[in-house]
């Protein structure tokens, strides 16, 4: 007796589900604009983190200038 073949179906992630809903509700241009905006937010956060780290390094090295 042979076992029945197992089918592996990936369960979509929450992000995948949100993107599917987004694609139904928004036109392509809106989706692109939204993703571009989120990418900009993430990049701004990264730059802010880098600024804080650079300021900390300058302060530790005694090179910080006060405006």
Protein backbone atom coordinates (compact mmCIF):
# COMPACT_ATOMS: atom_id res chain seq x y z
CA UNK A 1 0.00 0.00 0.00
CA UNK A 2 1.43 3.35 -1.01
CA UNK A 3 0.89 6.62 0.81
CA UNK A 4 -0.96 9.34 -1.01
CA UNK A 5 1.32 12.02 -2.49
CA UNK A 6 1.73 15.07 -0.34
CA UNK A 7 1.11 18.45 -1.92
CA UNK A 8 3.00 21.31 -0.39
CA UNK A 9 1.11 24.54 -0.79
CA UNK A 10 2.77 27.60 0.68
CA UNK A 11 0.59 29.62 3.00
CA UNK A 12 0.77 33.25 1.89
CA UNK A 13 2.32 35.66 4.34
CA UNK A 14 0.41 38.56 5.82
CA UNK A 15 2.36 40.90 3.54
CA UNK A 16 1.40 38.88 0.48
CA UNK A 17 -2.26 39.01 1.54
CA UNK A 18 -2.11 42.79 1.99
CA UNK A 19 -0.52 43.22 -1.42
CA UNK A 20 -3.26 41.12 -2.99
CA UNK A 21 -5.95 43.28 -1.40
CA UNK A 22 -4.02 46.40 -2.38
CA UNK A 23 -3.88 45.27 -6.00
CA UNK A 24 -7.66 44.80 -6.04
CA UNK A 25 -8.41 48.20 -4.52
CA UNK A 26 -5.85 50.47 -6.16
CA UNK A 27 -4.74 51.18 -9.66
CA UNK A 28 -1.17 50.40 -10.64
CA UNK A 29 -0.02 54.00 -10.37
CA UNK A 30 -1.33 54.34 -6.82
CA UNK A 31 0.41 51.15 -5.76
CA UNK A 32 3.68 52.36 -7.24
CA UNK A 33 3.34 55.74 -5.53
CA UNK A 34 2.55 54.07 -2.21
CA UNK A 35 5.54 51.73 -2.45
CA UNK A 36 7.81 54.60 -3.46
CA UNK A 37 6.60 56.61 -0.48
CA UNK A 38 7.27 53.71 1.91
CA UNK A 39 10.73 53.21 0.41
CA UNK A 40 11.43 56.90 1.04
CA UNK A 41 10.29 56.58 4.65
CA UNK A 42 12.61 53.63 5.20
CA UNK A 43 15.51 55.46 3.57
CA UNK A 44 14.89 58.57 5.71
CA UNK A 45 14.94 56.40 8.83
CA UNK A 46 18.22 54.81 7.72
CA UNK A 47 19.80 58.22 7.11
CA UNK A 48 18.60 59.50 10.49
CA UNK A 49 20.11 56.45 12.19
CA UNK A 50 23.39 57.04 10.34
CA UNK A 51 23.41 60.72 11.41
CA UNK A 52 22.92 59.79 15.06
CA UNK A 53 25.71 57.21 14.86
CA UNK A 54 28.08 59.68 13.15
CA UNK A 55 27.32 62.32 15.80
CA UNK A 56 28.05 59.80 18.54
CA UNK A 57 31.39 58.87 16.94
CA UNK A 58 32.36 62.55 16.57
CA UNK A 59 31.47 63.25 20.20
CA UNK A 60 33.55 60.31 21.38
CA UNK A 61 36.49 61.48 19.28
CA UNK A 62 36.12 65.05 20.61
CA UNK A 63 35.40 66.39 17.14
CA UNK A 64 31.77 67.41 17.64
CA UNK A 65 30.91 71.01 16.86
CA UNK A 66 28.02 72.79 18.48
CA UNK A 67 25.93 75.16 16.32
